[in-house]
Amino acid sequence: MNLNKIFASILAVTLMAGVGVSTAFATTSESQTGNARALVRSRIEKREAVELTDEQREEIQLRKPKMNLSMEKWDSLSDDQKEEVYSLKAQVNNVEGQIIEKYLEWGVIDEEAATKLKERLSNTLSQSRESGKMPMFNGKGFHGRVRFKCISNTDTSGDTI
């Protein structure tokens, strides 16, 4: 009988310790998730301008003639051709919106961040349509903000643009 009381006491202490530890981990996890969300939210809200180095400014200057040529070619497209591009960009935005929804569903971002990101997607395409600019560049040229590091494009002559 004494052995049963000792065993029951050890079991009770072990269970209480386990609950305490899991609560501590849950609090830490929630805190880390909150910190990550706050960081994402602050980055979205700030949207600070990136300082360019002299080398980057020089590269932009070298790309300007090609950028201007691309814009001239865009301006020469028919309305139907431009609408086809806008339609494709809308499809891309739709997929990006689905990705944002998944991030929200999985707790990677919160509702506020998701709403702001979706609004930005929608506004960017609307502004491109209204201004008649190429939606890829959003009126910022080749040196505008990019979301992902990507491989440089080449034009038909093989030159990097």
N, C-alpha and C. Protein backbone atom coordinates (compact mmCIF):
# COMPACT_ATOMS: atom_id res chain seq x y z
N MET A 1 0.82 -1.19 0.00
CA MET A 1 0.00 0.00 0.00
C MET A 1 0.87 1.25 0.00
N ASN A 2 1.91 1.25 0.77
CA ASN A 2 2.85 2.36 0.80
C ASN A 2 3.48 2.57 -0.57
N LEU A 3 3.79 1.48 -1.27
CA LEU A 3 4.38 1.52 -2.60
C LEU A 3 3.42 2.17 -3.60
N ASN A 4 2.15 1.85 -3.48
CA ASN A 4 1.14 2.44 -4.37
C ASN A 4 1.04 3.96 -4.17
N LYS A 5 1.12 4.43 -2.92
CA LYS A 5 1.05 5.87 -2.63
C LYS A 5 2.27 6.59 -3.22
N ILE A 6 3.44 5.96 -3.08
CA ILE A 6 4.66 6.55 -3.62
C ILE A 6 4.57 6.63 -5.14
N PHE A 7 4.12 5.55 -5.76
CA PHE A 7 3.99 5.51 -7.22
C PHE A 7 2.99 6.58 -7.68
N ALA A 8 1.85 6.69 -7.00
CA ALA A 8 0.82 7.67 -7.35
C ALA A 8 1.37 9.08 -7.20
N SER A 9 2.15 9.32 -6.15
CA SER A 9 2.73 10.65 -5.93
C SER A 9 3.72 11.00 -7.03
N ILE A 10 4.56 10.06 -7.41
CA ILE A 10 5.54 10.28 -8.48
C ILE A 10 4.82 10.56 -9.79
N LEU A 11 3.79 9.81 -10.08
CA LEU A 11 3.00 9.99 -11.30
C LEU A 11 2.36 11.37 -11.32
N ALA A 12 1.79 11.79 -10.18
CA ALA A 12 1.15 13.10 -10.09
C ALA A 12 2.16 14.22 -10.31
N VAL A 13 3.32 14.12 -9.68
CA VAL A 13 4.36 15.14 -9.83
C VAL A 13 4.84 15.20 -11.27
N THR A 14 5.02 14.04 -11.90
CA THR A 14 5.45 13.98 -13.29
C THR A 14 4.44 14.64 -14.21
N LEU A 15 3.16 14.36 -14.00
CA LEU A 15 2.10 14.97 -14.82
C LEU A 15 2.06 16.48 -14.65
N MET A 16 2.17 16.94 -13.40
CA MET A 16 2.14 18.38 -13.15
C MET A 16 3.35 19.06 -13.79
N ALA A 17 4.50 18.44 -13.71
CA ALA A 17 5.69 19.01 -14.32
C ALA A 17 5.55 19.05 -15.84
N GLY A 18 4.98 17.99 -16.39
CA GLY A 18 4.77 17.94 -17.85
C GLY A 18 3.84 19.03 -18.32
N VAL A 19 2.76 19.26 -17.58
CA VAL A 19 1.82 20.32 -17.94
C VAL A 19 2.49 21.68 -17.82
N GLY A 20 3.27 21.88 -16.78
CA GLY A 20 3.98 23.14 -16.59
C GLY A 20 4.96 23.41 -17.70
N VAL A 21 5.71 22.39 -18.10
CA VAL A 21 6.70 22.53 -19.17
C VAL A 21 6.00 22.83 -20.50
N SER A 22 4.93 22.10 -20.80
CA SER A 22 4.24 22.33 -22.07
C SER A 22 3.61 23.72 -22.11
N THR A 23 3.13 24.21 -20.96
CA THR A 23 2.59 25.57 -20.90
C THR A 23 3.69 26.59 -21.15
N ALA A 24 4.84 26.35 -20.57
CA ALA A 24 5.98 27.27 -20.79
C ALA A 24 6.37 27.29 -22.25
N PHE A 25 6.43 26.11 -22.89
CA PHE A 25 6.77 26.05 -24.31
C PHE A 25 5.70 26.72 -25.15
N ALA A 26 4.44 26.53 -24.81
CA ALA A 26 3.35 27.16 -25.56
C ALA A 26 3.45 28.67 -25.47
N THR A 27 3.75 29.19 -24.28
CA THR A 27 3.90 30.63 -24.11
C THR A 27 5.07 31.14 -24.93
N THR A 28 6.20 30.42 -24.91
CA THR A 28 7.36 30.82 -25.69
C THR A 28 7.04 30.79 -27.17
N SER A 29 6.35 29.76 -27.62
CA SER A 29 5.99 29.62 -29.03
C SER A 29 5.08 30.75 -29.46
N GLU A 30 4.07 31.07 -28.62
CA GLU A 30 3.16 32.17 -28.93
C GLU A 30 3.93 33.49 -28.99
N SER A 31 4.87 33.66 -28.07
CA SER A 31 5.67 34.88 -28.04
C SER A 31 6.51 35.00 -29.30
N GLN A 32 7.13 33.90 -29.72
CA GLN A 32 7.95 33.93 -30.93
C GLN A 32 7.09 34.18 -32.15
N THR A 33 5.90 33.57 -32.21
CA THR A 33 5.00 33.80 -33.33
C THR A 33 4.57 35.26 -33.36
N GLY A 34 4.27 35.81 -32.18
CA GLY A 34 3.89 37.22 -32.10
C GLY A 34 5.02 38.13 -32.55
N ASN A 35 6.25 37.80 -32.16
CA ASN A 35 7.41 38.59 -32.59
C ASN A 35 7.59 38.52 -34.10
N ALA A 36 7.42 37.34 -34.67
CA ALA A 36 7.57 37.19 -36.12
C ALA A 36 6.49 37.99 -36.84
N ARG A 37 5.27 37.93 -36.32
CA ARG A 37 4.18 38.70 -36.94
C ARG A 37 4.45 40.19 -36.85
N ALA A 38 4.93 40.63 -35.70
CA ALA A 38 5.24 42.05 -35.52
C ALA A 38 6.33 42.49 -36.48
N LEU A 39 7.32 41.64 -36.71
CA LEU A 39 8.40 41.96 -37.63
C LEU A 39 7.87 42.09 -39.06
N VAL A 40 7.03 41.14 -39.48
CA VAL A 40 6.45 41.20 -40.82
C VAL A 40 5.60 42.45 -40.96
N ARG A 41 4.78 42.72 -39.95
CA ARG A 41 3.90 43.89 -39.99
C ARG A 41 4.73 45.17 -40.09
N SER A 42 5.81 45.27 -39.31
CA SER A 42 6.62 46.49 -39.35
C SER A 42 7.31 46.66 -40.69
N ARG A 43 7.73 45.56 -41.29
CA ARG A 43 8.36 45.66 -42.62
C ARG A 43 7.36 46.12 -43.66
N ILE A 44 6.12 45.62 -43.55
CA ILE A 44 5.09 46.02 -44.51
C ILE A 44 4.76 47.49 -44.34
N GLU A 45 4.64 47.93 -43.09
CA GLU A 45 4.25 49.32 -42.82
C GLU A 45 5.35 50.31 -43.17
N LYS A 46 6.60 49.96 -42.93
CA LYS A 46 7.71 50.89 -43.15
C LYS A 46 7.94 51.16 -44.63
N ARG A 47 8.17 50.12 -45.39
CA ARG A 47 8.47 50.27 -46.82
C ARG A 47 9.46 51.39 -47.06
N GLU A 48 10.54 51.33 -46.30
CA GLU A 48 11.55 52.36 -46.42
C GLU A 48 12.29 52.25 -47.75
N ALA A 49 12.70 53.40 -48.25
CA ALA A 49 13.46 53.43 -49.49
C ALA A 49 14.82 52.78 -49.26
N VAL A 50 15.26 52.06 -50.25
CA VAL A 50 16.55 51.39 -50.16
C VAL A 50 17.62 52.36 -50.65
N GLU A 51 18.68 52.48 -49.88
CA GLU A 51 19.80 53.32 -50.30
C GLU A 51 20.62 52.56 -51.33
N LEU A 52 20.88 53.20 -52.46
CA LEU A 52 21.65 52.57 -53.52
C LEU A 52 23.12 52.95 -53.40
N THR A 53 23.96 52.01 -53.75
CA THR A 53 25.39 52.30 -53.80
C THR A 53 25.70 53.02 -55.11
N ASP A 54 26.88 53.60 -55.21
CA ASP A 54 27.28 54.26 -56.45
C ASP A 54 27.29 53.27 -57.61
N GLU A 55 27.72 52.05 -57.33
CA GLU A 55 27.75 51.01 -58.36
C GLU A 55 26.35 50.69 -58.86
N GLN A 56 25.39 50.62 -57.94
CA GLN A 56 24.00 50.34 -58.34
C GLN A 56 23.43 51.49 -59.15
N ARG A 57 23.74 52.72 -58.75
CA ARG A 57 23.26 53.89 -59.51
C ARG A 57 23.82 53.89 -60.93
N GLU A 58 25.10 53.55 -61.04
CA GLU A 58 25.74 53.49 -62.35
C GLU A 58 25.08 52.41 -63.21
N GLU A 59 24.80 51.26 -62.61
CA GLU A 59 24.15 50.18 -63.35
C GLU A 59 22.77 50.61 -63.84
N ILE A 60 22.05 51.34 -63.01
CA ILE A 60 20.73 51.85 -63.41
C ILE A 60 20.87 52.79 -64.60
N GLN A 61 21.86 53.66 -64.55
CA GLN A 61 22.07 54.59 -65.66
C GLN A 61 22.38 53.86 -66.96
N LEU A 62 23.13 52.75 -66.85
CA LEU A 62 23.45 51.97 -68.04
C LEU A 62 22.22 51.24 -68.58
N ARG A 63 21.29 50.92 -67.72
CA ARG A 63 20.08 50.20 -68.15
C ARG A 63 18.98 51.12 -68.67
N LYS A 64 19.06 52.39 -68.37
CA LYS A 64 17.99 53.31 -68.75
C LYS A 64 17.65 53.29 -70.24
N PRO A 65 18.64 53.31 -71.14
CA PRO A 65 18.27 53.28 -72.57
C PRO A 65 17.45 52.04 -72.94
N LYS A 66 17.81 50.89 -72.41
CA LYS A 66 17.05 49.67 -72.70
C LYS A 66 15.67 49.72 -72.06
N MET A 67 15.60 50.29 -70.87
CA MET A 67 14.32 50.42 -70.21
C MET A 67 13.41 51.34 -71.02
N ASN A 68 13.96 52.46 -71.48
CA ASN A 68 13.17 53.39 -72.29
C ASN A 68 12.70 52.73 -73.59
N LEU A 69 13.57 51.93 -74.19
CA LEU A 69 13.20 51.22 -75.41
C LEU A 69 12.05 50.24 -75.12
N SER A 70 12.13 49.53 -74.01
CA SER A 70 11.07 48.60 -73.63
C SER A 70 9.76 49.35 -73.41
N MET A 71 9.83 50.50 -72.79
CA MET A 71 8.61 51.29 -72.56
C MET A 71 8.02 51.79 -73.87
N GLU A 72 8.89 52.18 -74.81
CA GLU A 72 8.40 52.60 -76.13
C GLU A 72 7.70 51.44 -76.83
N LYS A 73 8.29 50.26 -76.74
CA LYS A 73 7.68 49.08 -77.35
C LYS A 73 6.34 48.77 -76.69
N TRP A 74 6.29 48.90 -75.36
CA TRP A 74 5.03 48.68 -74.65
C TRP A 74 3.97 49.66 -75.15
N ASP A 75 4.35 50.93 -75.27
CA ASP A 75 3.41 51.95 -75.72
C ASP A 75 2.90 51.67 -77.13
N SER A 76 3.70 50.98 -77.94
CA SER A 76 3.29 50.69 -79.31
C SER A 76 2.35 49.49 -79.41
N LEU A 77 2.16 48.74 -78.33
CA LEU A 77 1.27 47.59 -78.36
C LEU A 77 -0.18 48.04 -78.49
N SER A 78 -1.00 47.18 -79.07
CA SER A 78 -2.43 47.49 -79.19
C SER A 78 -3.09 47.36 -77.81
N ASP A 79 -4.28 47.93 -77.69
CA ASP A 79 -5.01 47.82 -76.43
C ASP A 79 -5.31 46.37 -76.08
N ASP A 80 -5.61 45.56 -77.10
CA ASP A 80 -5.88 44.14 -76.87
C ASP A 80 -4.64 43.42 -76.32
N GLN A 81 -3.48 43.76 -76.87
CA GLN A 81 -2.24 43.14 -76.38
C GLN A 81 -1.96 43.54 -74.93
N LYS A 82 -2.15 44.81 -74.64
CA LYS A 82 -1.95 45.28 -73.27
C LYS A 82 -2.94 44.61 -72.32
N GLU A 83 -4.19 44.49 -72.77
CA GLU A 83 -5.21 43.86 -71.93
C GLU A 83 -4.86 42.41 -71.65
N GLU A 84 -4.26 41.74 -72.62
CA GLU A 84 -3.83 40.36 -72.42
C GLU A 84 -2.78 40.28 -71.30
N VAL A 85 -1.85 41.23 -71.31
CA VAL A 85 -0.82 41.26 -70.26
C VAL A 85 -1.47 41.57 -68.91
N TYR A 86 -2.37 42.55 -68.88
CA TYR A 86 -3.05 42.88 -67.62
C TYR A 86 -3.84 41.69 -67.09
N SER A 87 -4.45 40.95 -67.99
CA SER A 87 -5.20 39.76 -67.58
C SER A 87 -4.28 38.70 -66.97
N LEU A 88 -3.13 38.49 -67.60
CA LEU A 88 -2.15 37.53 -67.06
C LEU A 88 -1.64 38.00 -65.69
N LYS A 89 -1.40 39.31 -65.57
CA LYS A 89 -0.94 39.85 -64.29
C LYS A 89 -2.01 39.67 -63.21
N ALA A 90 -3.27 39.80 -63.59
CA ALA A 90 -4.37 39.58 -62.64
C ALA A 90 -4.37 38.13 -62.17
N GLN A 91 -4.07 37.20 -63.09
CA GLN A 91 -3.98 35.79 -62.69
C GLN A 91 -2.84 35.57 -61.71
N VAL A 92 -1.70 36.22 -61.97
CA VAL A 92 -0.55 36.12 -61.06
C VAL A 92 -0.95 36.67 -59.68
N ASN A 93 -1.62 37.82 -59.67
CA ASN A 93 -2.06 38.41 -58.41
C ASN A 93 -3.02 37.49 -57.67
N ASN A 94 -3.88 36.80 -58.42
CA ASN A 94 -4.82 35.86 -57.81
C ASN A 94 -4.06 34.73 -57.10
N VAL A 95 -3.05 34.20 -57.76
CA VAL A 95 -2.24 33.13 -57.14
C VAL A 95 -1.49 33.68 -55.93
N GLU A 96 -0.93 34.88 -56.04
CA GLU A 96 -0.24 35.48 -54.90
C GLU A 96 -1.21 35.70 -53.75
N GLY A 97 -2.45 36.05 -54.06
CA GLY A 97 -3.48 36.20 -53.03
C GLY A 97 -3.77 34.87 -52.34
N GLN A 98 -3.77 33.78 -53.10
CA GLN A 98 -3.97 32.46 -52.52
C GLN A 98 -2.81 32.10 -51.59
N ILE A 99 -1.60 32.48 -51.97
CA ILE A 99 -0.43 32.23 -51.11
C ILE A 99 -0.58 33.03 -49.82
N ILE A 100 -1.00 34.27 -49.93
CA ILE A 100 -1.22 35.10 -48.74
C ILE A 100 -2.25 34.45 -47.83
N GLU A 101 -3.33 33.92 -48.42
CA GLU A 101 -4.36 33.22 -47.63
C GLU A 101 -3.79 32.01 -46.90
N LYS A 102 -2.91 31.28 -47.55
CA LYS A 102 -2.28 30.11 -46.89
C LYS A 102 -1.41 30.58 -45.73
N TYR A 103 -0.64 31.66 -45.95
CA TYR A 103 0.18 32.20 -44.87
C TYR A 103 -0.70 32.58 -43.68
N LEU A 104 -1.84 33.20 -43.98
CA LEU A 104 -2.78 33.59 -42.93
C LEU A 104 -3.33 32.35 -42.22
N GLU A 105 -3.75 31.37 -43.00
CA GLU A 105 -4.31 30.13 -42.46
C GLU A 105 -3.32 29.43 -41.53
N TRP A 106 -2.06 29.43 -41.89
CA TRP A 106 -1.03 28.72 -41.14
C TRP A 106 -0.41 29.58 -40.03
N GLY A 107 -0.87 30.82 -39.90
CA GLY A 107 -0.38 31.68 -38.83
C GLY A 107 0.96 32.34 -39.10
N VAL A 108 1.39 32.31 -40.36
CA VAL A 108 2.67 32.96 -40.70
C VAL A 108 2.51 34.47 -40.64
N ILE A 109 1.35 34.97 -41.07
CA ILE A 109 1.03 36.40 -41.00
C ILE A 109 -0.35 36.53 -40.35
N ASP A 110 -0.66 37.73 -39.89
CA ASP A 110 -1.96 37.95 -39.28
C ASP A 110 -2.92 38.59 -40.30
N GLU A 111 -4.15 38.77 -39.87
CA GLU A 111 -5.20 39.30 -40.75
C GLU A 111 -4.85 40.68 -41.29
N GLU A 112 -4.30 41.52 -40.44
CA GLU A 112 -3.95 42.88 -40.85
C GLU A 112 -2.90 42.87 -41.97
N ALA A 113 -1.86 42.05 -41.79
CA ALA A 113 -0.81 41.96 -42.80
C ALA A 113 -1.37 41.39 -44.10
N ALA A 114 -2.21 40.38 -44.00
CA ALA A 114 -2.79 39.77 -45.20
C ALA A 114 -3.63 40.78 -45.96
N THR A 115 -4.41 41.55 -45.24
CA THR A 115 -5.26 42.56 -45.88
C THR A 115 -4.41 43.60 -46.60
N LYS A 116 -3.35 44.07 -45.94
CA LYS A 116 -2.49 45.08 -46.56
C LYS A 116 -1.79 44.53 -47.80
N LEU A 117 -1.32 43.29 -47.72
CA LEU A 117 -0.65 42.69 -48.88
C LEU A 117 -1.60 42.55 -50.06
N LYS A 118 -2.81 42.09 -49.79
CA LYS A 118 -3.80 41.93 -50.87
C LYS A 118 -4.19 43.28 -51.47
N GLU A 119 -4.35 44.28 -50.63
CA GLU A 119 -4.67 45.62 -51.13
C GLU A 119 -3.56 46.13 -52.03
N ARG A 120 -2.33 45.88 -51.63
CA ARG A 120 -1.18 46.34 -52.42
C ARG A 120 -1.17 45.66 -53.80
N LEU A 121 -1.45 44.34 -53.81
CA LEU A 121 -1.51 43.63 -55.09
C LEU A 121 -2.57 44.26 -55.99
N SER A 122 -3.75 44.47 -55.43
CA SER A 122 -4.86 45.02 -56.20
C SER A 122 -4.56 46.44 -56.68
N ASN A 123 -4.05 47.27 -55.77
CA ASN A 123 -3.76 48.66 -56.12
C ASN A 123 -2.69 48.78 -57.19
N THR A 124 -1.67 47.94 -57.10
CA THR A 124 -0.58 48.00 -58.06
C THR A 124 -1.08 47.74 -59.47
N LEU A 125 -1.91 46.70 -59.64
CA LEU A 125 -2.43 46.40 -60.97
C LEU A 125 -3.39 47.49 -61.44
N SER A 126 -4.23 47.97 -60.54
CA SER A 126 -5.17 49.04 -60.91
C SER A 126 -4.42 50.29 -61.37
N GLN A 127 -3.37 50.65 -60.63
CA GLN A 127 -2.59 51.83 -61.00
C GLN A 127 -1.88 51.64 -62.33
N SER A 128 -1.40 50.41 -62.59
CA SER A 128 -0.75 50.15 -63.86
C SER A 128 -1.73 50.32 -65.01
N ARG A 129 -2.93 49.76 -64.84
CA ARG A 129 -3.96 49.89 -65.89
C ARG A 129 -4.33 51.35 -66.12
N GLU A 130 -4.56 52.07 -65.03
CA GLU A 130 -4.98 53.47 -65.16
C GLU A 130 -3.92 54.33 -65.82
N SER A 131 -2.66 54.07 -65.50
CA SER A 131 -1.58 54.90 -66.03
C SER A 131 -1.09 54.40 -67.39
N GLY A 132 -1.47 53.16 -67.75
CA GLY A 132 -1.02 52.60 -69.02
C GLY A 132 0.40 52.07 -68.97
N LYS A 133 0.96 51.93 -67.77
CA LYS A 133 2.34 51.44 -67.63
C LYS A 133 2.39 49.92 -67.68
N MET A 134 3.59 49.43 -67.96
CA MET A 134 3.80 47.98 -67.93
C MET A 134 3.61 47.52 -66.50
N PRO A 135 2.76 46.53 -66.26
CA PRO A 135 2.52 46.10 -64.88
C PRO A 135 3.75 45.47 -64.23
N MET A 136 4.67 44.95 -65.02
CA MET A 136 5.85 44.32 -64.44
C MET A 136 6.70 45.34 -63.69
N PHE A 137 6.78 46.55 -64.21
CA PHE A 137 7.67 47.54 -63.64
C PHE A 137 6.95 48.53 -62.74
N ASN A 138 5.64 48.55 -62.80
CA ASN A 138 4.83 49.41 -61.94
C ASN A 138 5.28 50.86 -61.96
N GLY A 139 5.77 51.30 -63.10
CA GLY A 139 6.16 52.70 -63.22
C GLY A 139 7.45 53.05 -62.50
N LYS A 140 8.17 52.05 -62.00
CA LYS A 140 9.39 52.33 -61.25
C LYS A 140 10.64 51.98 -62.05
N GLY A 141 10.48 51.49 -63.24
CA GLY A 141 11.64 51.11 -64.04
C GLY A 141 12.26 49.83 -63.54
N PHE A 142 13.38 49.51 -64.10
CA PHE A 142 14.05 48.25 -63.78
C PHE A 142 14.63 48.25 -62.37
N HIS A 143 14.78 49.42 -61.77
CA HIS A 143 15.40 49.49 -60.45
C HIS A 143 14.36 49.57 -59.33
N GLY A 144 13.10 49.34 -59.66
CA GLY A 144 12.06 49.38 -58.63
C GLY A 144 12.21 48.24 -57.64
N ARG A 145 11.38 48.26 -56.63
CA ARG A 145 11.41 47.22 -55.61
C ARG A 145 11.10 45.87 -56.22
N VAL A 146 11.86 44.88 -55.85
CA VAL A 146 11.58 43.53 -56.32
C VAL A 146 11.32 42.66 -55.11
N ARG A 147 10.43 41.68 -55.27
CA ARG A 147 10.09 40.82 -54.15
C ARG A 147 11.09 39.70 -53.98
N PHE A 148 11.58 39.19 -55.09
CA PHE A 148 12.47 38.05 -55.03
C PHE A 148 13.69 38.33 -55.88
N LYS A 149 14.81 37.81 -55.47
CA LYS A 149 16.00 37.91 -56.30
C LYS A 149 15.77 36.99 -57.49
N CYS A 150 16.02 37.49 -58.67
CA CYS A 150 15.74 36.66 -59.84
C CYS A 150 16.91 36.73 -60.82
N ILE A 151 16.87 35.82 -61.76
CA ILE A 151 17.87 35.76 -62.81
C ILE A 151 17.61 36.91 -63.76
N SER A 152 18.67 37.58 -64.25
CA SER A 152 18.45 38.68 -65.17
C SER A 152 17.85 38.20 -66.47
N ASN A 153 17.03 39.06 -67.03
CA ASN A 153 16.40 38.76 -68.32
C ASN A 153 17.33 39.15 -69.44
N THR A 154 17.10 38.59 -70.60
CA THR A 154 17.88 39.00 -71.77
C THR A 154 16.92 39.39 -72.88
N ASP A 155 17.31 40.40 -73.65
CA ASP A 155 16.47 40.75 -74.78
C ASP A 155 16.87 39.87 -75.97
N THR A 156 16.27 40.10 -77.12
CA THR A 156 16.48 39.23 -78.25
C THR A 156 17.92 39.26 -78.76
N SER A 157 18.66 40.31 -78.47
CA SER A 157 20.04 40.37 -78.93
C SER A 157 20.98 39.63 -77.98
N GLY A 158 20.43 39.16 -76.86
CA GLY A 158 21.26 38.44 -75.90
C GLY A 158 21.84 39.34 -74.82
N ASP A 159 21.56 40.66 -74.93
CA ASP A 159 22.05 41.59 -73.91
C ASP A 159 21.20 41.48 -72.66
N THR A 160 21.84 41.62 -71.52
CA THR A 160 21.10 41.60 -70.25
C THR A 160 20.36 42.90 -70.09
N ILE A 161 19.09 42.81 -69.67
CA ILE A 161 18.32 44.03 -69.42
C ILE A 161 17.97 44.13 -67.95
